[in-house]
Protein backbone atom coordinates (compact mmCIF):
# COMPACT_ATOMS: atom_id res chain seq x y z
CA MET A 1 -34.61 -40.60 -23.24
CA SER A 2 -34.22 -41.49 -19.60
CA GLN A 3 -34.08 -38.95 -16.81
CA ILE A 4 -31.18 -39.25 -14.44
CA GLU A 5 -30.06 -37.37 -11.38
CA VAL A 6 -26.58 -35.93 -11.67
CA LYS A 7 -24.82 -35.99 -8.32
CA VAL A 8 -21.62 -34.54 -6.96
CA PRO A 9 -18.99 -37.23 -7.60
CA ASP A 10 -16.17 -38.27 -5.31
CA ILE A 11 -14.24 -35.10 -4.46
CA GLY A 12 -11.95 -36.61 -1.89
CA ASP A 13 -12.13 -35.58 1.74
CA PHE A 14 -13.67 -32.19 1.01
CA LYS A 15 -17.07 -31.33 2.49
CA ASP A 16 -19.20 -28.19 2.18
CA VAL A 17 -17.41 -27.16 -1.01
CA PRO A 18 -18.86 -23.93 -2.45
CA VAL A 19 -20.40 -23.73 -5.89
CA ILE A 20 -18.70 -20.81 -7.62
CA GLU A 21 -20.24 -21.19 -11.08
CA VAL A 22 -23.27 -22.82 -12.70
CA LEU A 23 -22.36 -23.32 -16.34
CA VAL A 24 -25.70 -24.54 -17.69
CA LYS A 25 -29.39 -23.61 -17.50
CA PRO A 26 -32.59 -25.60 -17.90
CA GLY A 27 -33.17 -26.63 -21.50
CA ASP A 28 -29.50 -26.60 -22.54
CA VAL A 29 -28.45 -29.49 -24.75
CA ILE A 30 -25.11 -30.82 -23.62
CA LYS A 31 -22.69 -33.58 -24.44
CA ALA A 32 -21.05 -36.09 -22.15
CA GLU A 33 -18.13 -34.59 -20.24
CA ASP A 34 -19.34 -31.01 -20.73
CA PRO A 35 -18.86 -29.04 -17.49
CA LEU A 36 -22.00 -28.43 -15.46
CA ILE A 37 -20.88 -26.57 -12.35
CA VAL A 38 -17.61 -25.42 -10.87
CA LEU A 39 -16.62 -26.16 -7.26
CA GLU A 40 -13.78 -24.55 -5.37
CA SER A 41 -11.92 -26.11 -2.47
CA ASP A 42 -9.02 -24.46 -0.67
CA LYS A 43 -6.62 -26.29 -2.99
CA ALA A 44 -8.33 -26.70 -6.36
CA THR A 45 -11.05 -25.56 -8.71
CA MET A 46 -13.13 -28.51 -9.95
CA GLU A 47 -15.56 -28.77 -12.82
CA VAL A 48 -18.28 -31.40 -12.45
CA PRO A 49 -18.75 -32.98 -15.92
CA ALA A 50 -21.95 -34.35 -17.42
CA PRO A 51 -22.18 -38.17 -17.15
CA ALA A 52 -24.03 -38.39 -20.48
CA SER A 53 -25.38 -36.36 -23.38
CA GLY A 54 -28.87 -34.94 -23.17
CA LYS A 55 -31.00 -31.96 -22.12
CA VAL A 56 -30.67 -30.21 -18.79
CA GLY A 57 -33.80 -30.37 -16.66
CA GLU A 58 -34.17 -28.89 -13.17
CA ILE A 59 -31.07 -27.38 -11.54
CA MET A 60 -30.92 -27.98 -7.80
CA VAL A 61 -27.98 -25.73 -6.84
CA LYS A 62 -27.02 -22.09 -7.27
CA ILE A 63 -23.89 -20.01 -6.91
CA GLY A 64 -22.84 -19.85 -3.27
CA ASP A 65 -24.39 -23.18 -2.23
CA ARG A 66 -22.13 -25.63 -0.43
CA VAL A 67 -22.19 -29.24 -1.57
CA ALA A 68 -20.69 -32.61 -0.72
CA GLU A 69 -20.33 -35.97 -2.45
CA GLY A 70 -23.67 -37.52 -3.45
CA LEU A 71 -25.72 -34.32 -3.48
CA VAL A 72 -28.02 -34.02 -6.53
CA ILE A 73 -27.09 -30.95 -8.56
CA LEU A 74 -29.51 -31.30 -11.51
CA THR A 75 -31.65 -33.67 -13.55
CA LEU A 76 -30.71 -34.69 -17.06
CA GLU A 77 -32.81 -36.18 -19.86
CA ALA A 78 -30.05 -38.47 -21.05
CA GLU A 79 -29.65 -39.96 -24.51
CA GLY A 80 -29.29 -43.71 -24.11
CA ALA A 81 -28.13 -45.43 -20.94
CA PRO A 82 -26.50 -43.15 -18.36
CA ALA A 83 -22.80 -43.45 -17.92
CA PRO A 84 -21.42 -44.38 -14.53
CA ALA A 85 -20.84 -41.47 -12.18
CA PRO A 86 -17.38 -40.06 -12.67
CA VAL A 87 -14.80 -40.07 -9.93
CA MET A 88 -12.71 -36.95 -9.52
CA PRO A 89 -9.09 -37.81 -8.78
CA ALA A 90 -7.10 -35.87 -6.21
CA ALA A 91 -4.40 -35.16 -8.80
CA PRO A 92 -6.10 -34.70 -12.20
CA PRO A 93 -4.74 -36.39 -15.30
CA PRO A 94 -4.48 -34.17 -18.39
CA GLU A 95 -7.71 -35.40 -19.98
CA ARG A 96 -9.89 -34.56 -16.96
CA ARG A 97 -11.43 -31.16 -16.28
CA LEU A 98 -10.19 -30.88 -12.72
CA GLU A 99 -7.56 -28.15 -12.68
CA PRO A 100 -5.79 -27.63 -9.35
CA ILE A 101 -4.46 -24.15 -8.69
CA ALA A 102 -1.14 -23.99 -6.86
CA VAL A 103 -0.55 -21.05 -4.54
CA THR A 104 2.12 -19.83 -6.94
CA ASP A 105 -0.34 -19.81 -9.86
CA GLU A 106 -0.66 -16.03 -9.63
CA ILE A 107 0.48 -12.91 -11.43
CA ASP A 108 4.21 -12.86 -11.95
CA THR A 109 5.37 -9.57 -10.44
CA GLY A 110 8.96 -10.64 -9.93
CA LYS A 111 8.42 -10.86 -6.17
CA PRO A 112 8.35 -14.03 -4.05
CA GLU A 113 5.05 -13.20 -2.42
CA LYS A 114 1.76 -13.52 -4.27
CA PRO A 115 -0.18 -10.27 -4.50
CA VAL A 116 -3.32 -11.33 -2.65
CA LYS A 117 -5.19 -8.48 -1.04
CA SER A 118 -5.64 -8.49 2.71
CA GLY A 119 -8.83 -10.36 3.55
CA ALA A 120 -9.32 -11.30 -0.10
CA ALA A 121 -12.71 -12.81 -0.83
CA PRO A 122 -14.56 -13.89 -3.97
CA LEU A 123 -15.89 -11.00 -6.03
CA LEU A 124 -19.42 -10.31 -4.88
CA GLY A 125 -22.44 -9.59 -6.99
CA PRO A 126 -25.84 -8.20 -5.99
CA ARG A 127 -26.91 -8.84 -2.39
CA GLY A 128 -23.54 -10.35 -1.54
CA ALA A 129 -23.88 -13.27 -3.96
CA MET A 130 -20.83 -14.53 -5.78
CA ALA A 131 -20.32 -12.96 -9.21
CA ASP A 132 -21.61 -15.06 -12.10
CA PHE A 133 -18.92 -15.68 -14.74
CA SER A 134 -20.75 -18.63 -16.30
CA LYS A 135 -21.23 -16.93 -19.68
CA LEU A 136 -17.52 -16.22 -20.08
CA PHE A 137 -15.01 -18.34 -21.98
CA ALA A 138 -12.19 -18.84 -19.45
CA SER A 139 -10.47 -21.76 -17.79
CA PRO A 140 -11.06 -22.59 -14.11
CA ALA A 141 -7.55 -21.35 -13.33
CA VAL A 142 -8.32 -17.94 -14.83
CA ARG A 143 -11.69 -17.78 -13.06
CA ARG A 144 -10.17 -18.56 -9.69
CA LEU A 145 -7.36 -16.07 -10.25
CA ALA A 146 -9.93 -13.38 -10.99
CA ARG A 147 -11.87 -14.15 -7.83
CA GLU A 148 -8.80 -14.11 -5.60
CA LEU A 149 -7.80 -10.71 -6.99
CA ASP A 150 -11.37 -9.31 -6.96
CA ILE A 151 -11.34 -8.76 -10.72
CA ASP A 152 -14.60 -8.65 -12.68
CA LEU A 153 -13.91 -10.93 -15.63
CA THR A 154 -16.71 -9.32 -17.59
CA GLN A 155 -14.50 -6.22 -17.81
CA VAL A 156 -11.39 -8.07 -19.02
CA PRO A 157 -10.76 -7.93 -22.79
CA ALA A 158 -10.21 -11.44 -24.20
CA THR A 159 -7.35 -12.14 -26.59
CA GLY A 160 -7.35 -15.93 -26.60
CA ASP A 161 -8.69 -18.24 -29.29
CA LYS A 162 -12.45 -17.92 -29.87
CA GLY A 163 -12.75 -15.17 -27.28
CA ARG A 164 -11.12 -17.05 -24.41
CA ILE A 165 -9.82 -14.95 -21.49
CA THR A 166 -6.26 -15.94 -20.66
CA LYS A 167 -4.06 -15.33 -17.62
CA ASP A 168 -2.12 -12.79 -19.66
CA ASP A 169 -5.38 -10.90 -20.18
CA VAL A 170 -5.91 -10.83 -16.41
CA ARG A 171 -2.32 -9.67 -15.88
CA LYS A 172 -2.73 -6.83 -18.35
CA PHE A 173 -6.05 -5.80 -16.86
CA LEU A 174 -4.63 -5.84 -13.32
CA GLY A 175 -1.75 -3.61 -14.34
CA GLY A 176 -3.88 -1.29 -16.40
CA GLY A 177 -2.26 -2.64 -19.57
CA ALA A 178 1.22 -1.75 -18.32
CA THR A 179 4.28 -3.85 -18.79
CA PRO A 180 5.47 -5.96 -15.81
CA ALA A 181 8.24 -3.45 -15.10
CA ALA A 182 5.83 -0.55 -15.10
CA THR A 183 3.37 -2.48 -12.97
CA ALA A 184 6.05 -3.18 -10.38
CA ALA A 185 7.10 0.45 -10.37
CA THR A 186 3.59 1.76 -9.84
CA GLY A 187 2.42 -0.64 -7.17
CA ALA A 188 3.70 -4.19 -7.55
CA GLY A 189 0.55 -5.50 -9.19
CA ILE A 190 -1.94 -3.41 -7.20
CA PRO A 191 -4.97 -2.66 -9.37
CA GLU A 192 -5.41 0.93 -10.50
CA ILE A 193 -8.38 2.94 -9.23
CA PRO A 194 -11.00 2.70 -12.00
CA ALA A 195 -11.49 5.78 -14.18
CA ILE A 196 -14.74 7.68 -13.60
CA ASP A 197 -16.36 10.27 -15.83
CA PHE A 198 -17.09 12.89 -13.16
CA SER A 199 -18.71 15.19 -15.70
CA LYS A 200 -21.79 12.96 -15.53
CA PHE A 201 -22.49 14.28 -12.05
CA GLY A 202 -21.82 17.98 -12.54
CA PRO A 203 -19.43 20.65 -13.86
CA ILE A 204 -15.71 19.86 -13.58
CA GLU A 205 -12.40 21.54 -14.32
CA GLU A 206 -9.14 19.70 -14.99
CA LYS A 207 -5.75 21.23 -14.21
CA PRO A 208 -2.42 19.49 -14.76
CA LEU A 209 -0.26 18.65 -11.75
CA SER A 210 2.74 20.86 -11.16
CA ARG A 211 6.09 19.57 -12.30
CA ILE A 212 7.19 19.06 -8.69
CA LYS A 213 4.13 16.96 -7.86
CA LYS A 214 4.58 14.89 -11.01
CA LEU A 215 8.16 14.15 -9.99
CA SER A 216 7.60 13.62 -6.27
CA GLY A 217 4.42 11.54 -6.57
CA PRO A 218 6.09 8.30 -7.73
CA PHE A 219 8.77 8.62 -5.03
CA LEU A 220 6.15 9.06 -2.30
CA HIS A 221 4.14 6.16 -3.70
CA ARG A 222 7.21 3.93 -3.76
CA SER A 223 8.09 4.76 -0.16
CA TRP A 224 4.51 4.22 0.97
CA LEU A 225 4.39 0.77 -0.65
CA ASN A 226 7.84 -0.43 0.42
CA VAL A 227 8.32 0.94 3.94
CA PRO A 228 6.34 -0.59 6.84
CA ALA A 229 6.12 2.72 8.68
CA VAL A 230 4.95 3.38 12.23
CA THR A 231 4.57 6.79 13.91
CA GLN A 232 5.64 7.52 17.48
CA ASN A 233 4.16 10.65 19.07
CA ASP A 234 5.66 12.67 21.93
CA GLU A 235 5.90 16.30 22.99
CA ALA A 236 8.59 18.66 24.23
CA ASP A 237 8.33 21.58 26.64
CA ILE A 238 9.91 24.40 24.61
CA THR A 239 8.90 27.29 26.86
CA ASP A 240 12.49 28.30 27.60
CA LEU A 241 13.64 27.53 24.06
CA GLU A 242 10.97 29.76 22.56
CA GLU A 243 11.95 32.69 24.76
CA PHE A 244 15.57 32.31 23.67
CA ARG A 245 14.58 31.88 20.02
CA LYS A 246 12.67 35.15 20.03
CA ARG A 247 15.72 37.01 21.34
CA LEU A 248 17.92 35.53 18.60
CA ASP A 249 15.29 36.33 15.98
CA ASP A 250 15.09 39.96 17.10
CA GLU A 251 18.87 40.26 16.88
CA GLY A 252 18.88 38.65 13.43
CA LYS A 253 16.33 41.12 12.07
CA LYS A 254 18.56 44.00 13.19
CA ALA A 255 21.77 42.56 11.73
CA LYS A 256 23.59 44.23 8.84
CA GLU A 257 22.51 41.33 6.67
CA PRO A 258 19.14 40.43 8.26
CA TYR A 259 18.12 36.82 8.83
CA ARG A 260 15.34 35.05 10.72
CA VAL A 261 15.62 32.41 13.42
CA SER A 262 12.69 30.01 13.45
CA LEU A 263 12.31 26.86 15.51
CA LEU A 264 13.59 24.73 12.63
CA PRO A 265 17.35 25.42 13.16
CA PHE A 266 16.98 24.19 16.74
CA LEU A 267 15.19 21.07 15.50
CA VAL A 268 17.99 20.41 13.01
CA ARG A 269 20.70 20.79 15.63
CA ALA A 270 18.80 18.75 18.21
CA SER A 271 18.15 15.98 15.66
CA VAL A 272 21.87 15.72 14.90
CA ALA A 273 22.67 15.34 18.60
CA VAL A 274 20.12 12.53 19.00
CA LEU A 275 21.05 10.83 15.72
CA LYS A 276 24.60 10.49 17.04
CA GLU A 277 23.20 8.83 20.15
CA PHE A 278 20.94 6.52 18.09
CA PRO A 279 22.95 5.69 14.91
CA ASP A 280 20.30 3.27 13.57
CA PHE A 281 18.19 6.32 12.72
CA ASN A 282 21.01 7.67 10.53
CA SER A 283 21.33 4.46 8.53
CA SER A 284 19.78 2.78 5.49
CA LEU A 285 19.02 -0.81 4.58
CA SER A 286 21.49 -2.36 2.16
CA PRO A 287 20.12 -3.26 -1.30
CA SER A 288 20.08 -6.92 -0.25
CA LYS A 289 18.02 -5.99 2.85
CA ASP A 290 20.28 -8.06 5.11
CA ALA A 291 22.53 -5.32 6.52
CA LEU A 292 22.48 -1.71 7.68
CA ILE A 293 24.62 1.01 6.13
CA TYR A 294 25.63 3.46 8.86
CA LYS A 295 26.39 6.97 7.61
CA LYS A 296 29.18 8.86 9.32
CA TYR A 297 27.80 12.20 8.17
CA TRP A 298 24.68 14.07 9.21
CA ASN A 299 22.78 15.79 6.41
CA ILE A 300 19.32 16.99 7.43
CA GLY A 301 16.58 17.49 4.86
CA PHE A 302 13.65 19.81 5.54
CA ALA A 303 10.34 19.96 3.70
CA ALA A 304 9.89 23.40 2.13
CA ASP A 305 6.44 24.58 1.04
CA THR A 306 6.47 26.26 -2.36
CA PRO A 307 3.69 27.40 -4.74
CA GLU A 308 4.43 24.36 -6.91
CA GLY A 309 4.50 21.83 -4.06
CA LEU A 310 6.85 20.45 -1.45
CA VAL A 311 10.58 20.14 -2.05
CA VAL A 312 13.25 18.91 0.35
CA PRO A 313 16.46 20.97 0.47
CA VAL A 314 19.29 19.50 2.53
CA ILE A 315 21.50 21.08 5.18
CA LYS A 316 24.84 19.37 4.54
CA ASP A 317 27.19 18.56 7.45
CA ALA A 318 24.69 19.90 9.96
CA ASP A 319 26.81 18.49 12.79
CA LYS A 320 29.53 21.02 11.97
CA LYS A 321 27.21 24.05 12.01
CA GLY A 322 25.68 26.05 14.83
CA VAL A 323 22.07 27.16 15.14
CA LEU A 324 22.69 30.63 13.70
CA GLN A 325 24.62 29.31 10.69
CA ILE A 326 21.88 26.76 10.05
CA ALA A 327 19.25 29.49 10.32
CA LYS A 328 20.95 31.56 7.63
CA GLU A 329 21.37 28.55 5.35
CA LEU A 330 17.73 27.58 5.84
CA GLY A 331 16.69 31.05 4.75
CA GLU A 332 18.84 30.91 1.63
CA LEU A 333 17.65 27.45 0.62
CA SER A 334 13.99 28.31 1.30
CA THR A 335 14.27 31.40 -0.92
CA LYS A 336 15.78 29.35 -3.74
CA ALA A 337 13.10 26.68 -3.28
CA ARG A 338 10.25 29.18 -3.67
CA ALA A 339 11.93 30.56 -6.77
CA GLY A 340 12.39 27.08 -8.23
CA LYS A 341 16.16 27.50 -8.39
CA LEU A 342 17.35 24.62 -6.20
CA SER A 343 19.99 22.43 -7.80
CA PRO A 344 19.80 18.62 -7.61
CA ALA A 345 22.84 18.64 -5.31
CA GLU A 346 20.96 20.85 -2.86
CA MET A 347 18.15 18.29 -2.65
CA SER A 348 20.16 15.09 -2.33
CA GLY A 349 22.20 13.26 0.28
CA ALA A 350 19.87 13.61 3.29
CA THR A 351 20.23 11.12 6.12
CA PHE A 352 17.20 12.32 8.11
CA THR A 353 14.31 14.63 7.25
CA ILE A 354 12.19 17.12 9.20
CA SER A 355 8.71 18.10 8.01
CA SER A 356 7.43 21.10 9.95
CA LEU A 357 3.85 22.36 9.78
CA GLY A 358 4.33 24.64 12.75
CA GLY A 359 3.39 27.77 10.81
CA ILE A 360 0.10 26.22 9.73
CA GLY A 361 -1.26 24.19 12.63
CA GLY A 362 -2.46 20.71 13.45
CA THR A 363 -2.05 18.44 16.45
CA SER A 364 -0.06 15.55 14.92
CA PHE A 365 0.42 13.69 11.63
CA SER A 366 2.23 10.71 10.13
CA PRO A 367 4.88 11.88 7.64
CA ILE A 368 5.94 9.39 4.95
CA VAL A 369 9.46 8.07 5.45
CA ASN A 370 11.69 9.47 2.73
CA ALA A 371 13.29 6.16 1.69
CA PRO A 372 16.11 5.12 1.66
CA GLU A 373 16.17 7.07 4.93
CA VAL A 374 14.65 5.12 7.81
CA ALA A 375 13.02 7.90 9.83
CA ILE A 376 11.42 11.32 9.49
CA LEU A 377 10.35 13.86 12.10
CA GLY A 378 7.01 15.64 11.80
CA VAL A 379 6.36 18.81 13.81
CA VAL A 380 3.15 20.84 14.16
CA ARG A 381 2.25 24.08 15.92
CA SER A 382 3.20 24.33 19.59
CA ARG A 383 0.43 25.03 22.11
CA MET A 384 0.07 26.29 25.66
CA ALA A 385 -0.96 23.53 28.06
CA PRO A 386 -1.21 23.14 31.84
CA VAL A 387 1.71 21.05 33.09
CA TRP A 388 2.08 19.70 36.64
CA ASN A 389 5.39 20.73 38.20
CA GLY A 390 5.00 18.71 41.39
CA LYS A 391 3.10 21.37 43.26
CA GLU A 392 0.74 22.99 40.81
CA PHE A 393 -0.28 23.25 37.16
CA VAL A 394 1.60 25.93 35.26
CA PRO A 395 1.24 27.07 31.63
CA ARG A 396 3.97 25.66 29.40
CA LEU A 397 4.52 25.79 25.65
CA MET A 398 4.38 22.20 24.37
CA LEU A 399 5.63 21.10 20.96
CA PRO A 400 4.06 17.92 19.47
CA LEU A 401 6.58 15.57 17.82
CA SER A 402 5.63 12.85 15.32
CA LEU A 403 8.42 10.41 14.45
CA SER A 404 7.69 8.00 11.58
CA TYR A 405 10.16 5.15 11.16
CA ASP A 406 10.88 2.03 9.11
CA HIS A 407 9.88 -0.86 11.35
CA ARG A 408 12.23 -3.21 9.51
CA VAL A 409 15.13 -1.26 10.99
CA ILE A 410 13.76 0.39 14.11
CA ASP A 411 11.75 -1.15 16.93
CA GLY A 412 9.01 0.72 18.75
CA ALA A 413 11.01 0.93 21.96
CA ALA A 414 13.96 2.53 20.15
CA ALA A 415 11.62 5.02 18.48
CA ALA A 416 10.09 5.96 21.83
CA ARG A 417 13.57 6.48 23.31
CA PHE A 418 14.65 8.58 20.32
CA ALA A 419 11.57 10.82 20.55
CA ARG A 420 12.02 11.25 24.30
CA ALA A 421 15.72 12.04 23.92
CA LEU A 422 14.89 14.62 21.25
CA ALA A 423 12.33 16.22 23.55
CA MET A 424 14.89 16.40 26.36
CA VAL A 425 17.43 18.14 24.12
CA LEU A 426 14.84 20.70 23.03
CA GLU A 427 13.87 21.27 26.66
CA ASP A 428 17.44 22.14 27.67
CA ILE A 429 19.02 24.55 25.15
CA ARG A 430 22.35 24.27 26.92
CA ARG A 431 22.77 20.98 25.07
CA LEU A 432 22.81 22.81 21.73
CA ALA A 433 25.80 24.51 20.11
CA LEU A 434 24.98 27.98 18.80
């Protein structure tokens, strides 16, 4: 046997190409054309084949090293005369082991964009080293796909011939074994959070989710994934409004058929006034995403807290109702919500939603847009704050407003104007119809 040095062959114009796998170890007996290491450029995954049969001697490279043409990667005790160094073509013929990976060579989720995670990097092993998949039976295309999606191939069940991991295996693992339709519905190919046996760390108790949470969860998840939401924060001086609200509430409690007047009816009525001024906020994207559907009706949903979870009853035709009528309807719908007696019709058709945490507290929050609506108003507890009136600081009751909106439809400037207009309406109750 003669000892030869196996070098990196011609790999085109690429330099400093990382080694992502070492497929052999010292003492291995290999045949000519068996893969030795795997390199990865920004366009292709390349296996460096053995120039001759023989036994592997010293290996000069490791996973993570960067190499270029001519660098010695290992020594080989070759059988017979060494074959000439192979040349790796830019576009590999079928019989070669170079397998380029096109940018579309990804999981088919039915969407035009490939599901690469933000800042995606090769899966890391101990101390930041690249994960070693050298003992696995998988093609370079599958190995690269796993690295780009941060999937540990050692956890992927193999269904291919002789234990080979296929792309379908990676697809199934990424979707938790779900069908493509189910995968798209639950996150468009986003990997599931791995299951953990928490009982290993201490006592646990498992309780099923309420029916409402089971139903609302997928809708919230869908909105979160599909709507590029931004939140605009502002505040309104409701000192005068609160004084007036208290008088109306006192009168309502003394009525023949008692009712309460909270801040929410004023928010509903004020929102309608501003939605008419800014019709984009009362619209929805068309199914083709290339047009806006403007609604000529104003139905306002409000998040109601119940023992089973949040539900969203809807005040229909809120533009045709005064504050007192809305207050009574809010009371009726809230009572039905807590009793679990809302009908589907009473929870559908909203064009804009208000989520109020005023009775609980907080300083601000980012409510999830209730798609296909394009905006939602979040409100927290009002607070007394010193406000400069031009001469001195005076105590005023300030109401924080958090407006989340679909940035595909609404620009930041429009959101800021909407929030300011809403604050101005709340600050001057003469603008509201009772």
